[in-house]
Amino acid sequence: MSRTATIERKTKETEIKVTVDLDGSGQFDIKTGIGFLDHMLEQLARHSLMDITLQAKGDLHVDFHHTVEDTGIALGQAVAAALGERKGITRFADVHLAMDEALTRV
């Protein structure tokens, strides 16, 4: 069973297309026009071993918030769709992970 999904989201302010493969190898092709957001999403792909392809166009001349918000919505919808019936999902977990120069705890 393939756990992949593609979501396209278009609003007055943004146009987002995201594809995820939950059983990938951490590959990514992410272009939002926001360097730090790209970096964080790349880290998500790399450390989760989820493949993410994401293209976002937004009204960056106004500010970043529409692009950030709609990217998060589309990515969340893609992950939810890829999970399907959610069989075999463990409900609780935690992890400590060194990311760049910070120690993260989730």
C-alpha atoms as a PDB file:
ATOM      1  CA  MET A   1       0.000   0.000   0.000  1.00  0.00           C
ATOM      2  CA  SER A   2       1.454   3.335  -1.059  1.00  0.00           C
ATOM      3  CA  ARG A   3       1.241   6.057   1.566  1.00  0.00           C
ATOM      4  CA  THR A   4       1.479   9.060  -0.726  1.00  0.00           C
ATOM      5  CA  ALA A   5      -0.739  12.042  -1.422  1.00  0.00           C
ATOM      6  CA  THR A   6      -0.763  15.242  -3.443  1.00  0.00           C
ATOM      7  CA  ILE A   7      -2.704  18.330  -2.389  1.00  0.00           C
ATOM      8  CA  GLU A   8      -3.189  21.532  -4.349  1.00  0.00           C
ATOM      9  CA  ARG A   9      -4.442  24.618  -2.537  1.00  0.00           C
ATOM     10  CA  LYS A  10      -5.274  27.869  -4.285  1.00  0.00           C
ATOM     11  CA  THR A  11      -6.514  31.025  -2.556  1.00  0.00           C
ATOM     12  CA  LYS A  12      -6.571  34.697  -3.486  1.00  0.00           C
ATOM     13  CA  GLU A  13      -3.121  35.067  -1.896  1.00  0.00           C
ATOM     14  CA  THR A  14      -1.355  31.749  -2.565  1.00  0.00           C
ATOM     15  CA  GLU A  15      -0.981  28.735  -4.798  1.00  0.00           C
ATOM     16  CA  ILE A  16       0.491  25.627  -3.168  1.00  0.00           C
ATOM     17  CA  LYS A  17       1.176  22.116  -4.480  1.00  0.00           C
ATOM     18  CA  VAL A  18       2.602  19.503  -2.133  1.00  0.00           C
ATOM     19  CA  THR A  19       3.307  15.795  -2.567  1.00  0.00           C
ATOM     20  CA  VAL A  20       4.364  13.567   0.323  1.00  0.00           C
ATOM     21  CA  ASP A  21       5.574   9.981   0.476  1.00  0.00           C
ATOM     22  CA  LEU A  22       5.485   8.834   4.082  1.00  0.00           C
ATOM     23  CA  ASP A  23       7.640   5.802   3.273  1.00  0.00           C
ATOM     24  CA  GLY A  24      10.320   7.777   1.460  1.00  0.00           C
ATOM     25  CA  SER A  25      13.978   8.314   2.227  1.00  0.00           C
ATOM     26  CA  GLY A  26      14.057  11.984   3.255  1.00  0.00           C
ATOM     27  CA  GLN A  27      14.343  13.465  -0.226  1.00  0.00           C
ATOM     28  CA  PHE A  28      12.915  16.932  -0.797  1.00  0.00           C
ATOM     29  CA  ASP A  29      12.343  19.620  -3.386  1.00  0.00           C
ATOM     30  CA  ILE A  30      10.912  22.593  -1.497  1.00  0.00           C
ATOM     31  CA  LYS A  31      10.478  26.101  -2.850  1.00  0.00           C
ATOM     32  CA  THR A  32       8.308  28.534  -0.884  1.00  0.00           C
ATOM     33  CA  GLY A  33      10.259  31.734  -1.508  1.00  0.00           C
ATOM     34  CA  ILE A  34      10.914  31.961   2.254  1.00  0.00           C
ATOM     35  CA  GLY A  35      14.405  30.735   3.088  1.00  0.00           C
ATOM     36  CA  PHE A  36      13.825  29.842   6.723  1.00  0.00           C
ATOM     37  CA  LEU A  37      10.550  28.027   5.982  1.00  0.00           C
ATOM     38  CA  ASP A  38      12.295  26.044   3.227  1.00  0.00           C
ATOM     39  CA  HIS A  39      15.041  25.115   5.691  1.00  0.00           C
ATOM     40  CA  MET A  40      12.611  23.944   8.376  1.00  0.00           C
ATOM     41  CA  LEU A  41      10.576  21.862   5.910  1.00  0.00           C
ATOM     42  CA  GLU A  42      13.786  20.342   4.532  1.00  0.00           C
ATOM     43  CA  GLN A  43      14.743  19.340   8.078  1.00  0.00           C
ATOM     44  CA  LEU A  44      11.295  17.777   8.552  1.00  0.00           C
ATOM     45  CA  ALA A  45      11.753  15.695   5.397  1.00  0.00           C
ATOM     46  CA  ARG A  46      15.343  14.723   6.193  1.00  0.00           C
ATOM     47  CA  HIS A  47      14.762  13.661   9.805  1.00  0.00           C
ATOM     48  CA  SER A  48      11.359  12.001   9.297  1.00  0.00           C
ATOM     49  CA  LEU A  49      12.531  10.137   6.154  1.00  0.00           C
ATOM     50  CA  MET A  50       9.410  11.471   4.457  1.00  0.00           C
ATOM     51  CA  ASP A  51       9.806  12.635   0.851  1.00  0.00           C
ATOM     52  CA  ILE A  52       8.315  16.096   0.293  1.00  0.00           C
ATOM     53  CA  THR A  53       7.910  17.993  -2.957  1.00  0.00           C
ATOM     54  CA  LEU A  54       6.432  21.432  -2.348  1.00  0.00           C
ATOM     55  CA  GLN A  55       6.021  24.486  -4.554  1.00  0.00           C
ATOM     56  CA  ALA A  56       4.441  27.636  -3.126  1.00  0.00           C
ATOM     57  CA  LYS A  57       3.715  30.990  -4.683  1.00  0.00           C
ATOM     58  CA  GLY A  58       2.339  33.733  -2.484  1.00  0.00           C
ATOM     59  CA  ASP A  59       1.987  37.450  -1.936  1.00  0.00           C
ATOM     60  CA  LEU A  60       5.437  37.771  -0.362  1.00  0.00           C
ATOM     61  CA  HIS A  61       5.480  41.478  -1.255  1.00  0.00           C
ATOM     62  CA  VAL A  62       2.781  41.931   1.429  1.00  0.00           C
ATOM     63  CA  ASP A  63       4.323  39.594   4.021  1.00  0.00           C
ATOM     64  CA  PHE A  64       5.046  35.910   4.609  1.00  0.00           C
ATOM     65  CA  HIS A  65       2.064  34.888   6.732  1.00  0.00           C
ATOM     66  CA  HIS A  66      -0.333  33.802   3.950  1.00  0.00           C
ATOM     67  CA  THR A  67       2.331  31.588   2.387  1.00  0.00           C
ATOM     68  CA  VAL A  68       3.372  30.094   5.736  1.00  0.00           C
ATOM     69  CA  GLU A  69      -0.228  29.470   6.812  1.00  0.00           C
ATOM     70  CA  ASP A  70      -1.385  27.931   3.526  1.00  0.00           C
ATOM     71  CA  THR A  71       1.773  25.818   3.240  1.00  0.00           C
ATOM     72  CA  GLY A  72       1.075  24.386   6.703  1.00  0.00           C
ATOM     73  CA  ILE A  73      -2.551  23.672   5.831  1.00  0.00           C
ATOM     74  CA  ALA A  74      -1.656  21.951   2.544  1.00  0.00           C
ATOM     75  CA  LEU A  75       1.167  19.921   4.109  1.00  0.00           C
ATOM     76  CA  GLY A  76      -1.107  18.808   6.953  1.00  0.00           C
ATOM     77  CA  GLN A  77      -3.822  17.788   4.500  1.00  0.00           C
ATOM     78  CA  ALA A  78      -1.296  15.826   2.426  1.00  0.00           C
ATOM     79  CA  VAL A  79       0.029  13.941   5.467  1.00  0.00           C
ATOM     80  CA  ALA A  80      -3.531  13.207   6.646  1.00  0.00           C
ATOM     81  CA  ALA A  81      -4.516  11.922   3.198  1.00  0.00           C
ATOM     82  CA  ALA A  82      -1.356   9.788   2.931  1.00  0.00           C
ATOM     83  CA  LEU A  83      -2.056   8.206   6.326  1.00  0.00           C
ATOM     84  CA  GLY A  84      -5.384   6.914   5.016  1.00  0.00           C
ATOM     85  CA  GLU A  85      -7.039   4.684   7.626  1.00  0.00           C
ATOM     86  CA  ARG A  86      -4.117   5.251  10.022  1.00  0.00           C
ATOM     87  CA  LYS A  87      -3.590   1.531  10.636  1.00  0.00           C
ATOM     88  CA  GLY A  88      -0.533   0.744  12.737  1.00  0.00           C
ATOM     89  CA  ILE A  89      -0.101   4.292  14.031  1.00  0.00           C
ATOM     90  CA  THR A  90       1.299   4.587  17.553  1.00  0.00           C
ATOM     91  CA  ARG A  91      -0.604   7.269  19.393  1.00  0.00           C
ATOM     92  CA  PHE A  92       2.110   8.572  21.702  1.00  0.00           C
ATOM     93  CA  ALA A  93       5.824   9.061  21.169  1.00  0.00           C
ATOM     94  CA  ASP A  94       8.670  11.397  22.015  1.00  0.00           C
ATOM     95  CA  VAL A  95      12.114  12.153  20.669  1.00  0.00           C
ATOM     96  CA  HIS A  96      15.142  14.329  21.354  1.00  0.00           C
ATOM     97  CA  LEU A  97      16.985  15.402  18.217  1.00  0.00           C
ATOM     98  CA  ALA A  98      19.952  17.637  17.495  1.00  0.00           C
ATOM     99  CA  MET A  99      18.961  19.968  14.649  1.00  0.00           C
ATOM    100  CA  ASP A 100      21.569  22.444  13.500  1.00  0.00           C
ATOM    101  CA  GLU A 101      22.858  24.004  16.717  1.00  0.00           C
ATOM    102  CA  ALA A 102      19.758  23.300  18.826  1.00  0.00           C
ATOM    103  CA  LEU A 103      18.485  20.292  20.746  1.00  0.00           C
ATOM    104  CA  THR A 104      14.815  19.742  19.999  1.00  0.00           C
ATOM    105  CA  ARG A 105      12.345  17.740  22.019  1.00  0.00           C
ATOM    106  CA  VAL A 106       9.037  16.599  20.596  1.00  0.00           C
END
